[in-house]
N, C-alpha and C. Protein backbone atom coordinates (compact mmCIF):
# COMPACT_ATOMS: atom_id res chain seq x y z
N MET A 1 0.89 -1.67 0.12
CA MET A 1 0.22 0.07 0.20
C MET A 1 1.06 1.02 -0.34
N THR A 2 0.63 1.99 -0.52
CA THR A 2 0.94 3.22 -0.51
C THR A 2 1.00 4.78 0.31
N ARG A 3 1.97 5.25 0.58
CA ARG A 3 1.90 5.99 1.71
C ARG A 3 0.60 7.07 1.60
N GLY A 4 -0.58 7.00 2.19
CA GLY A 4 -1.43 7.89 1.97
C GLY A 4 -3.06 7.24 0.97
N SER A 5 -2.50 6.04 0.88
CA SER A 5 -3.84 5.58 0.82
C SER A 5 -4.82 5.38 1.23
N PHE A 6 -5.84 5.06 1.69
CA PHE A 6 -6.40 4.10 2.71
C PHE A 6 -6.97 2.62 2.88
N CYS A 7 -6.28 2.62 3.97
CA CYS A 7 -6.60 0.89 4.58
C CYS A 7 -7.86 0.77 4.40
N VAL A 8 -8.26 -0.82 3.73
CA VAL A 8 -9.44 -1.06 3.64
C VAL A 8 -10.51 -1.25 4.76
N CYS A 9 -9.73 -1.33 6.27
CA CYS A 9 -9.68 -1.62 7.18
C CYS A 9 -11.02 -0.75 7.56
N THR A 10 -12.06 -0.66 8.50
CA THR A 10 -12.52 0.90 8.50
C THR A 10 -13.02 0.62 10.18
N PRO A 11 -12.63 1.40 11.01
CA PRO A 11 -12.42 1.32 12.60
C PRO A 11 -13.62 0.74 12.99
N ARG A 12 -14.69 -0.23 12.46
CA ARG A 12 -15.34 -0.76 12.94
C ARG A 12 -14.38 -2.04 12.56
N THR A 13 -14.37 -2.48 11.87
CA THR A 13 -13.74 -3.75 11.53
C THR A 13 -12.18 -4.19 12.18
N LEU A 14 -11.67 -2.92 12.64
CA LEU A 14 -10.24 -2.81 12.67
C LEU A 14 -10.20 -3.14 13.97
N MET A 15 -9.28 -3.60 14.10
CA MET A 15 -9.39 -4.25 16.00
C MET A 15 -7.91 -4.14 16.06
N GLY A 16 -6.90 -3.36 17.69
CA GLY A 16 -6.40 -2.43 17.46
C GLY A 16 -5.70 -1.35 17.31
N TRP A 17 -6.63 -0.28 16.43
CA TRP A 17 -6.46 0.70 16.20
C TRP A 17 -6.88 1.65 17.54
N LYS A 18 -6.27 2.84 17.38
CA LYS A 18 -6.58 3.70 18.55
C LYS A 18 -7.14 5.10 18.27
N GLU A 19 -8.66 4.98 18.68
CA GLU A 19 -9.62 6.10 18.59
C GLU A 19 -8.91 7.92 19.47
N GLY A 20 -8.13 7.22 20.13
CA GLY A 20 -7.68 8.00 20.73
C GLY A 20 -6.55 8.94 19.94
N ASP A 21 -6.00 8.51 18.61
CA ASP A 21 -5.22 9.51 17.78
C ASP A 21 -6.38 10.46 17.20
N VAL A 22 -7.58 10.14 16.97
CA VAL A 22 -8.09 10.97 15.86
C VAL A 22 -8.66 12.19 16.74
N MET A 23 -9.20 11.91 18.69
CA MET A 23 -9.60 12.57 19.54
C MET A 23 -7.92 13.78 19.69
N ALA A 24 -6.92 13.36 19.27
CA ALA A 24 -6.36 14.00 20.21
C ALA A 24 -5.58 15.22 18.44
N ASP A 25 -6.40 15.16 17.89
CA ASP A 25 -5.95 15.70 16.52
C ASP A 25 -5.07 14.83 15.50
N LYS A 26 -4.39 13.41 15.65
CA LYS A 26 -3.64 12.49 14.94
C LYS A 26 -4.03 11.76 14.07
N ILE A 27 -3.51 11.16 12.98
CA ILE A 27 -4.14 10.91 12.06
C ILE A 27 -3.87 9.55 12.39
N PRO A 28 -5.01 8.83 11.76
CA PRO A 28 -4.48 7.21 12.73
C PRO A 28 -4.17 6.82 11.75
N HIS A 29 -3.26 5.73 11.35
CA HIS A 29 -3.12 4.38 10.17
C HIS A 29 -2.90 2.88 11.19
N CYS A 30 -3.45 2.68 10.00
CA CYS A 30 -3.46 0.92 10.18
C CYS A 30 -2.19 0.40 10.73
N PRO A 31 -2.14 -0.80 11.96
CA PRO A 31 -1.31 -1.24 12.66
C PRO A 31 -0.84 -2.24 11.89
N VAL A 32 -1.76 -2.65 10.50
CA VAL A 32 -0.98 -3.99 9.67
C VAL A 32 -0.51 -3.68 8.53
N CYS A 33 -1.32 -2.60 7.87
CA CYS A 33 -1.09 -2.20 6.34
C CYS A 33 0.06 -1.11 6.57
N THR A 34 0.29 0.04 7.47
CA THR A 34 0.07 1.60 7.78
C THR A 34 -0.28 2.62 6.69
N GLY A 35 -1.34 2.19 6.48
CA GLY A 35 -2.11 3.10 5.61
C GLY A 35 -3.01 3.90 5.99
N LEU A 36 -3.31 4.81 5.95
CA LEU A 36 -4.98 5.83 6.55
C LEU A 36 -5.42 5.27 6.57
N ILE A 37 -6.30 4.79 7.53
CA ILE A 37 -7.73 3.96 8.09
C ILE A 37 -8.79 5.24 7.74
N LYS A 38 -9.67 4.48 6.94
CA LYS A 38 -10.87 4.96 6.56
C LYS A 38 -11.82 4.94 7.01
N PRO A 39 -12.42 6.55 7.31
CA PRO A 39 -13.62 6.07 7.97
C PRO A 39 -14.60 5.56 7.70
N ASP A 40 -15.75 5.01 8.64
CA ASP A 40 -16.78 4.31 8.28
C ASP A 40 -17.76 5.38 8.00
N ILE A 41 -17.33 5.69 6.50
CA ILE A 41 -18.23 6.65 5.29
C ILE A 41 -18.49 6.52 4.73
N VAL A 42 -19.29 6.64 3.38
CA VAL A 42 -19.13 7.02 1.59
C VAL A 42 -18.73 7.94 1.35
N PHE A 43 -17.63 8.00 0.82
CA PHE A 43 -16.93 9.37 0.48
C PHE A 43 -17.87 9.37 -0.79
N PHE A 44 -17.46 10.66 -2.01
CA PHE A 44 -18.12 10.93 -2.66
C PHE A 44 -18.07 9.99 -3.97
N GLY A 45 -18.81 9.32 -5.02
CA GLY A 45 -17.71 8.52 -5.85
C GLY A 45 -18.21 6.81 -5.56
N GLU A 46 -17.78 6.42 -4.17
CA GLU A 46 -17.93 5.24 -3.88
C GLU A 46 -19.51 5.18 -3.96
N GLU A 47 -20.00 3.88 -4.49
CA GLU A 47 -20.69 2.89 -3.88
C GLU A 47 -21.04 2.43 -2.63
N LEU A 48 -22.85 2.90 -2.92
CA LEU A 48 -23.16 2.58 -1.17
C LEU A 48 -23.26 1.93 -0.56
N PRO A 49 -23.15 1.06 0.26
CA PRO A 49 -23.43 0.05 1.29
C PRO A 49 -24.85 -0.91 1.07
N HIS A 50 -24.64 -1.98 0.57
CA HIS A 50 -25.57 -3.10 0.46
C HIS A 50 -27.12 -2.68 1.21
N ARG A 51 -26.64 -2.54 2.64
CA ARG A 51 -27.85 -1.90 3.81
C ARG A 51 -28.76 -1.10 3.16
N PHE A 52 -28.41 0.28 2.72
CA PHE A 52 -28.89 0.91 2.21
C PHE A 52 -29.95 0.52 1.46
N PHE A 53 -29.93 0.38 0.31
CA PHE A 53 -31.06 -0.30 -0.01
C PHE A 53 -32.06 -1.44 0.67
N LEU A 54 -31.50 -2.38 1.36
CA LEU A 54 -32.42 -2.47 1.67
C LEU A 54 -33.53 -1.63 2.65
N HIS A 55 -33.38 -0.03 2.83
CA HIS A 55 -33.67 0.31 3.73
C HIS A 55 -35.75 1.28 2.84
N VAL A 56 -34.72 1.35 1.77
CA VAL A 56 -35.67 2.25 0.71
C VAL A 56 -36.95 1.73 0.45
N THR A 57 -36.90 0.54 0.26
CA THR A 57 -38.07 0.44 0.58
C THR A 57 -39.33 1.13 1.55
N ASP A 58 -39.21 1.84 3.34
CA ASP A 58 -39.62 1.40 4.16
C ASP A 58 -40.26 2.68 3.85
N PHE A 59 -39.95 4.08 3.16
CA PHE A 59 -40.21 5.58 3.29
C PHE A 59 -41.72 5.33 2.11
N PRO A 60 -41.94 4.38 1.23
CA PRO A 60 -43.41 5.00 0.98
C PRO A 60 -44.64 4.22 1.95
N MET A 61 -44.07 3.62 3.58
CA MET A 61 -44.43 3.33 4.34
C MET A 61 -44.55 4.22 5.69
N ALA A 62 -43.86 5.48 5.42
CA ALA A 62 -43.46 5.98 6.43
C ALA A 62 -44.20 7.22 7.10
N ASP A 63 -44.33 7.59 8.23
CA ASP A 63 -45.89 8.89 8.95
C ASP A 63 -45.04 10.14 8.97
N VAL A 64 -43.64 10.09 8.51
CA VAL A 64 -42.88 11.15 8.83
C VAL A 64 -41.67 11.24 8.42
N LEU A 65 -41.13 11.53 7.52
CA LEU A 65 -39.65 12.24 7.51
C LEU A 65 -38.87 13.29 8.16
N PHE A 66 -37.83 12.69 8.78
CA PHE A 66 -37.08 13.54 8.95
C PHE A 66 -35.43 14.05 8.57
N ILE A 67 -35.26 15.43 8.45
CA ILE A 67 -33.99 15.34 7.48
C ILE A 67 -33.40 16.42 8.27
N ILE A 68 -31.81 15.84 8.41
CA ILE A 68 -31.24 16.59 9.98
C ILE A 68 -30.12 17.00 9.29
N GLY A 69 -29.79 17.92 9.02
CA GLY A 69 -28.39 19.09 8.79
C GLY A 69 -27.44 17.85 7.56
N THR A 70 -27.89 18.42 6.55
CA THR A 70 -27.77 18.29 4.90
C THR A 70 -27.61 19.30 4.05
N SER A 71 -26.68 18.93 2.48
CA SER A 71 -27.19 19.49 1.50
C SER A 71 -28.06 19.32 0.82
N LEU A 72 -28.54 18.15 0.73
CA LEU A 72 -29.42 17.23 0.03
C LEU A 72 -28.77 17.52 -1.14
N GLU A 73 -27.28 17.87 -1.68
CA GLU A 73 -26.93 17.71 -2.89
C GLU A 73 -26.49 16.57 -3.90
N VAL A 74 -26.23 15.12 -3.44
CA VAL A 74 -25.59 14.00 -3.60
C VAL A 74 -27.25 12.93 -3.19
N GLN A 75 -26.85 12.23 -4.89
CA GLN A 75 -27.82 11.28 -4.97
C GLN A 75 -27.09 10.06 -4.74
N PRO A 76 -27.61 9.20 -4.10
CA PRO A 76 -29.40 8.78 -4.69
C PRO A 76 -29.55 9.05 -3.06
N PHE A 77 -28.92 10.03 -2.46
CA PHE A 77 -29.84 10.06 -0.72
C PHE A 77 -29.85 11.58 -0.64
N ALA A 78 -29.80 12.19 -1.53
CA ALA A 78 -30.98 13.56 -1.56
C ALA A 78 -32.02 13.24 -2.27
N SER A 79 -32.14 12.13 -3.01
CA SER A 79 -33.80 11.53 -3.44
C SER A 79 -34.65 11.21 -2.84
N LEU A 80 -33.92 10.97 -1.33
CA LEU A 80 -35.23 10.10 -0.64
C LEU A 80 -36.07 11.12 0.45
N ALA A 81 -35.78 11.85 0.07
CA ALA A 81 -36.96 13.58 0.42
C ALA A 81 -38.33 13.40 -0.59
N ASP A 82 -38.00 12.82 -1.48
CA ASP A 82 -39.08 12.34 -2.12
C ASP A 82 -38.97 11.45 -2.20
N ALA A 83 -39.28 10.54 -1.52
CA ALA A 83 -39.31 9.07 -1.64
C ALA A 83 -40.70 8.62 -0.71
N VAL A 84 -41.31 9.77 -0.10
CA VAL A 84 -42.30 9.40 1.22
C VAL A 84 -43.41 9.97 -0.39
N ARG A 85 -44.66 9.38 0.38
CA ARG A 85 -45.87 9.73 -0.12
C ARG A 85 -45.96 11.75 -0.29
N SER A 86 -47.21 11.97 -0.70
CA SER A 86 -46.99 13.36 -0.78
C SER A 86 -47.51 14.03 -0.05
N SER A 87 -49.08 12.80 0.71
CA SER A 87 -49.18 13.29 1.68
C SER A 87 -48.17 13.33 3.47
N ILE A 88 -47.42 12.71 3.43
CA ILE A 88 -46.63 12.75 4.47
C ILE A 88 -46.09 13.77 4.92
N PRO A 89 -45.98 14.50 6.06
CA PRO A 89 -44.85 15.36 6.44
C PRO A 89 -43.79 15.49 6.48
N ARG A 90 -43.03 15.92 5.79
CA ARG A 90 -41.53 16.75 5.98
C ARG A 90 -40.52 17.08 6.40
N VAL A 91 -39.98 17.22 7.83
CA VAL A 91 -39.63 17.44 8.72
C VAL A 91 -38.35 18.06 8.17
N LEU A 92 -37.52 19.65 7.64
CA LEU A 92 -36.65 19.95 7.87
C LEU A 92 -36.00 20.48 8.62
N ILE A 93 -34.98 20.27 9.49
CA ILE A 93 -33.97 20.86 10.56
C ILE A 93 -32.29 21.02 10.20
N ASN A 94 -32.05 22.10 9.97
CA ASN A 94 -31.00 22.26 8.75
C ASN A 94 -30.99 23.95 9.02
N ARG A 95 -29.59 24.34 8.94
CA ARG A 95 -28.80 25.38 9.20
C ARG A 95 -29.61 26.44 7.62
N ASP A 96 -29.62 25.95 6.36
CA ASP A 96 -30.70 26.14 5.32
C ASP A 96 -31.48 25.37 4.50
N LEU A 97 -31.95 26.09 3.87
CA LEU A 97 -33.08 25.67 3.13
C LEU A 97 -32.94 24.66 1.98
N VAL A 98 -32.96 23.10 1.46
CA VAL A 98 -32.37 22.91 0.49
C VAL A 98 -32.92 21.97 0.04
N GLY A 99 -32.82 21.54 -1.41
CA GLY A 99 -33.39 20.29 -1.99
C GLY A 99 -34.82 20.40 -2.65
N PRO A 100 -35.43 19.66 -2.46
CA PRO A 100 -36.48 20.40 -2.44
C PRO A 100 -38.00 21.08 -1.43
N PHE A 101 -37.08 21.13 0.00
CA PHE A 101 -37.67 22.28 0.62
C PHE A 101 -37.45 23.69 0.07
N ALA A 102 -36.86 24.02 -0.62
CA ALA A 102 -36.17 25.29 -1.68
C ALA A 102 -36.99 25.38 -3.02
N TYR A 103 -36.59 23.93 -3.56
CA TYR A 103 -37.25 24.67 -4.59
C TYR A 103 -38.43 23.78 -5.32
N GLN A 104 -39.56 22.92 -4.40
CA GLN A 104 -40.53 22.31 -4.77
C GLN A 104 -41.44 21.75 -3.61
N PRO A 105 -41.23 22.78 -2.71
CA PRO A 105 -42.08 22.80 -1.46
C PRO A 105 -43.55 22.63 -1.01
N GLN A 106 -43.68 21.56 -0.68
CA GLN A 106 -45.09 20.90 -0.48
C GLN A 106 -46.01 21.68 0.67
N TYR A 107 -47.15 21.21 0.83
CA TYR A 107 -48.37 22.19 1.63
C TYR A 107 -47.72 22.02 2.84
N ASN A 108 -47.57 20.48 3.42
CA ASN A 108 -46.97 19.90 5.47
C ASN A 108 -45.30 19.96 5.13
N ASP A 109 -45.06 20.48 4.16
CA ASP A 109 -43.34 20.57 4.57
C ASP A 109 -42.75 21.72 5.80
N VAL A 110 -42.44 21.27 6.65
CA VAL A 110 -42.14 21.99 8.12
C VAL A 110 -40.33 22.37 7.88
N ALA A 111 -39.42 23.30 8.10
CA ALA A 111 -38.36 23.59 8.26
C ALA A 111 -38.26 24.32 9.46
N LEU A 112 -37.00 24.18 10.69
CA LEU A 112 -36.67 24.73 11.42
C LEU A 112 -34.83 25.08 10.72
N LEU A 113 -34.34 25.86 11.00
CA LEU A 113 -34.29 26.76 9.77
C LEU A 113 -32.88 27.27 11.22
N GLY A 114 -31.87 27.18 11.25
CA GLY A 114 -30.59 27.25 12.00
C GLY A 114 -29.82 26.09 12.10
N ASP A 115 -29.25 26.46 13.57
CA ASP A 115 -27.78 25.65 14.38
C ASP A 115 -29.65 24.41 14.92
N VAL A 116 -28.44 23.33 14.15
CA VAL A 116 -28.62 22.29 14.18
C VAL A 116 -29.23 21.52 15.45
N ILE A 117 -28.59 21.57 16.00
CA ILE A 117 -28.60 20.88 18.00
C ILE A 117 -30.07 22.04 17.92
N SER A 118 -30.27 23.29 18.19
CA SER A 118 -30.97 23.56 18.68
C SER A 118 -32.44 24.14 17.84
N GLY A 119 -32.19 23.86 16.42
CA GLY A 119 -33.80 23.03 16.32
C GLY A 119 -34.27 21.52 16.88
N VAL A 120 -33.62 20.15 16.85
CA VAL A 120 -33.88 19.59 17.57
C VAL A 120 -34.32 19.61 19.10
N GLU A 121 -33.12 20.49 19.60
CA GLU A 121 -34.03 20.35 20.69
C GLU A 121 -35.35 21.42 21.00
N LYS A 122 -35.67 22.49 20.46
CA LYS A 122 -37.09 23.18 20.17
C LYS A 122 -37.90 21.70 20.10
N PHE A 123 -37.24 21.16 18.32
CA PHE A 123 -38.66 20.38 17.81
C PHE A 123 -38.75 19.20 19.55
N VAL A 124 -38.09 18.65 19.88
CA VAL A 124 -38.19 17.67 21.28
C VAL A 124 -38.85 18.90 22.41
N GLU A 125 -39.10 19.94 22.65
CA GLU A 125 -39.86 20.50 23.34
C GLU A 125 -41.58 21.12 22.65
N LEU A 126 -41.55 21.44 21.73
CA LEU A 126 -42.54 21.25 21.52
C LEU A 126 -43.49 19.40 21.71
N MET A 127 -42.61 19.20 20.85
CA MET A 127 -43.14 17.84 20.97
C MET A 127 -43.56 16.92 22.71
N ASP A 128 -42.75 17.92 23.62
CA ASP A 128 -43.05 17.26 24.84
C ASP A 128 -42.34 16.25 25.13
N TRP A 129 -41.37 16.02 24.43
CA TRP A 129 -40.29 15.22 24.80
C TRP A 129 -38.75 15.18 25.46
N LYS A 130 -38.59 15.96 26.14
CA LYS A 130 -37.60 16.26 26.90
C LYS A 130 -37.39 15.46 27.99
N GLU A 131 -38.61 14.82 29.03
CA GLU A 131 -37.40 13.61 29.36
C GLU A 131 -36.98 12.20 28.89
N GLU A 132 -37.64 11.87 27.77
CA GLU A 132 -37.49 11.17 26.58
C GLU A 132 -35.58 11.41 26.71
N MET A 133 -35.98 12.59 25.75
CA MET A 133 -34.66 12.18 25.37
C MET A 133 -33.71 12.92 26.06
N GLN A 134 -33.86 13.73 27.38
CA GLN A 134 -32.64 13.27 28.54
C GLN A 134 -32.60 12.02 29.21
N GLU A 135 -33.45 11.20 28.86
CA GLU A 135 -32.96 9.72 29.43
C GLU A 135 -31.96 9.16 28.22
N LEU A 136 -32.28 9.16 26.96
CA LEU A 136 -31.49 8.76 25.80
C LEU A 136 -30.64 9.04 25.93
N ILE A 137 -30.05 10.40 26.41
CA ILE A 137 -28.47 11.13 26.32
C ILE A 137 -27.77 10.33 27.54
N ARG A 138 -28.93 10.44 28.42
CA ARG A 138 -27.93 9.42 29.44
C ARG A 138 -27.49 8.22 29.56
N ARG A 139 -28.66 6.94 28.74
CA ARG A 139 -28.42 5.50 28.51
C ARG A 139 -27.37 5.90 27.43
N GLU A 140 -26.91 6.49 26.35
CA GLU A 140 -26.09 6.37 25.68
C GLU A 140 -24.94 7.02 25.72
N THR A 141 -24.57 7.77 26.95
CA THR A 141 -22.91 8.57 27.49
C THR A 141 -22.92 7.42 28.29
N GLU A 142 -23.72 6.42 28.79
CA GLU A 142 -23.35 5.96 29.78
C GLU A 142 -22.54 4.56 28.78
N LYS A 143 -22.77 4.22 27.37
CA LYS A 143 -22.63 3.52 27.06
C LYS A 143 -21.15 3.56 26.50
N LEU A 144 -21.39 5.04 26.45
CA LEU A 144 -19.88 5.32 26.08
C LEU A 144 -18.90 5.52 26.92
N ASP A 145 -19.57 5.89 27.95
CA ASP A 145 -18.02 5.71 28.70
C ASP A 145 -17.66 4.01 29.06
N ALA A 146 -19.32 3.60 29.41
CA ALA A 146 -18.53 2.36 29.81
C ALA A 146 -17.29 1.58 28.99
N LYS A 147 -17.67 2.36 27.11
CA LYS A 147 -16.67 1.47 26.38
C LYS A 147 -15.41 2.40 26.35
N ASP A 148 -15.44 3.38 27.00
CA ASP A 148 -13.74 3.90 27.13
C ASP A 148 -13.34 3.34 28.04
N ASN A 149 -13.00 2.76 29.40
CA ASN A 149 -13.13 2.00 30.47
C ASN A 149 -12.69 0.64 30.25
């Protein structure tokens, strides 16, 4: 493997990589091949994982669609905003109005624009889900803490 190329291992599959390197702003290298460890994301031009296509069939059955923190510019992901029935509310929580919310809004679209975290907090408050959200955050924080120990 040439220097600077990506290791085919990802943090999810690679044993022994140092997550602390990332948190310390160090570039993580594979202990096996010394290449850069590829993040567990899909880069532009890469094929989507098979699991993506397994869930596309869920969209026509949705009761509501949440779209949070995206430019809605990269296909096929961007097309998912139109994958629900037209009678289904779509909620965009985002810094900007994007995709069909900007160029072809529907009568039942809702957009909370600005900081994403503030938008989610506002939505949680409006739905009276604050206690549930705090409990979810507590449980997930405990999981992360246990993983670190």
